Protein backbone atom coordinates (compact mmCIF):
# COMPACT_ATOMS: atom_id res chain seq x y z
CA UNK A 1 -14.55 16.39 -8.24
CA UNK A 2 -14.72 13.45 -5.84
CA UNK A 3 -11.64 11.26 -5.66
CA UNK A 4 -12.30 7.52 -5.93
CA UNK A 5 -10.50 5.32 -3.41
CA UNK A 6 -9.83 1.68 -4.24
CA UNK A 7 -10.38 -0.92 -1.50
CA UNK A 8 -7.09 -1.77 0.26
CA UNK A 9 -4.77 -3.51 0.19
CA UNK A 10 -3.74 -2.16 -3.18
CA UNK A 11 -1.85 -4.20 -5.78
CA UNK A 12 1.90 -4.05 -6.31
CA UNK A 13 1.24 -2.86 -9.87
CA UNK A 14 -0.75 0.11 -8.53
CA UNK A 15 2.07 0.94 -6.09
CA UNK A 16 4.66 0.74 -8.87
CA UNK A 17 2.66 2.98 -11.23
CA UNK A 18 1.90 5.57 -8.55
CA UNK A 19 5.53 5.63 -7.43
CA UNK A 20 6.81 5.96 -11.01
CA UNK A 21 4.38 8.83 -11.66
CA UNK A 22 5.23 10.45 -8.30
CA UNK A 23 1.60 10.17 -7.23
CA UNK A 24 0.19 9.33 -3.82
CA UNK A 25 -1.36 5.93 -3.13
CA UNK A 26 -5.06 6.12 -2.25
CA UNK A 27 -7.22 3.39 -0.74
CA UNK A 28 -10.30 2.80 1.34
CA UNK A 29 -9.65 0.61 4.40
CA UNK A 30 -11.66 -0.86 7.25
CA UNK A 31 -10.40 -0.64 10.83
CA UNK A 32 -12.00 -2.01 13.97
CA UNK A 33 -12.66 0.77 16.49
CA UNK A 34 -10.67 -1.14 19.13
CA UNK A 35 -7.60 -0.95 16.87
CA UNK A 36 -7.95 2.83 16.68
CA UNK A 37 -8.04 3.47 20.43
CA UNK A 38 -5.11 1.27 21.50
CA UNK A 39 -1.47 2.21 21.03
CA UNK A 40 0.09 5.48 19.97
CA UNK A 41 -0.74 7.76 17.04
CA UNK A 42 2.28 6.32 15.19
CA UNK A 43 0.86 2.81 15.75
CA UNK A 44 -2.42 4.00 14.19
CA UNK A 45 -0.62 5.43 11.15
CA UNK A 46 1.34 2.17 10.79
CA UNK A 47 -1.95 0.24 10.92
CA UNK A 48 -3.42 2.40 8.14
CA UNK A 49 -0.25 1.91 6.10
CA UNK A 50 -0.45 -1.87 6.49
CA UNK A 51 -4.14 -1.94 5.55
CA UNK A 52 -3.39 0.08 2.41
CA UNK A 53 -0.74 -2.51 1.55
CA UNK A 54 2.45 -0.45 1.86
CA UNK A 55 4.91 -1.17 4.67
CA UNK A 56 6.10 2.44 5.12
CA UNK A 57 3.52 4.81 3.69
CA UNK A 58 4.71 8.38 4.34
CA UNK A 59 2.88 11.71 4.59
CA UNK A 60 -0.38 9.90 5.40
CA UNK A 61 -3.70 11.69 5.32
CA UNK A 62 -6.99 10.06 6.22
CA UNK A 63 -10.64 10.71 6.88
CA UNK A 64 -13.47 8.62 8.25
CA UNK A 65 -16.02 8.18 5.48
CA UNK A 66 -18.35 5.63 7.02
CA UNK A 67 -18.86 2.66 9.27
CA UNK A 68 -20.09 -0.94 9.15
CA UNK A 69 -21.84 -2.92 11.81
CA UNK A 70 -21.26 -1.31 15.19
CA UNK A 71 -17.47 -1.15 15.43
CA UNK A 72 -15.87 -1.01 11.95
CA UNK A 73 -14.74 2.42 10.72
CA UNK A 74 -14.08 3.03 7.02
CA UNK A 75 -11.21 5.39 6.22
CA UNK A 76 -10.07 6.94 2.96
CA UNK A 77 -6.27 6.98 3.19
CA UNK A 78 -3.61 8.51 0.96
CA UNK A 79 0.15 8.73 1.23
CA UNK A 80 3.54 8.64 -0.43
CA UNK A 81 4.85 5.13 -1.18
CA UNK A 82 8.08 6.23 -2.85
CA UNK A 83 10.26 5.34 0.15
CA UNK A 84 9.01 1.80 0.53
CA UNK A 85 6.97 0.48 -2.39
CA UNK A 86 6.64 -3.03 -1.00
CA UNK A 87 3.40 -4.96 -0.82
CA UNK A 88 2.41 -6.36 2.60
CA UNK A 89 1.85 -10.13 2.55
CA UNK A 90 -1.36 -11.41 4.17
């Protein structure tokens, strides 16, 4: 069965429900290729966390599922939001 990923950032209600049910947050996010290649691996994981909409997403897993234009990668991301279930403000 294919898991469906919602476009990030996710809503606070989704974070609250997933945290209450001890489930991982899942989202599909877009990242510019230049953002992937600069900084450390931890910086990259923080970027994914922010794009999902959770300040400190833990135990992150991700996969590239597509691309747009010539430099936008699309990632499916999942992780544990139980430590910091706080929505990132845009």
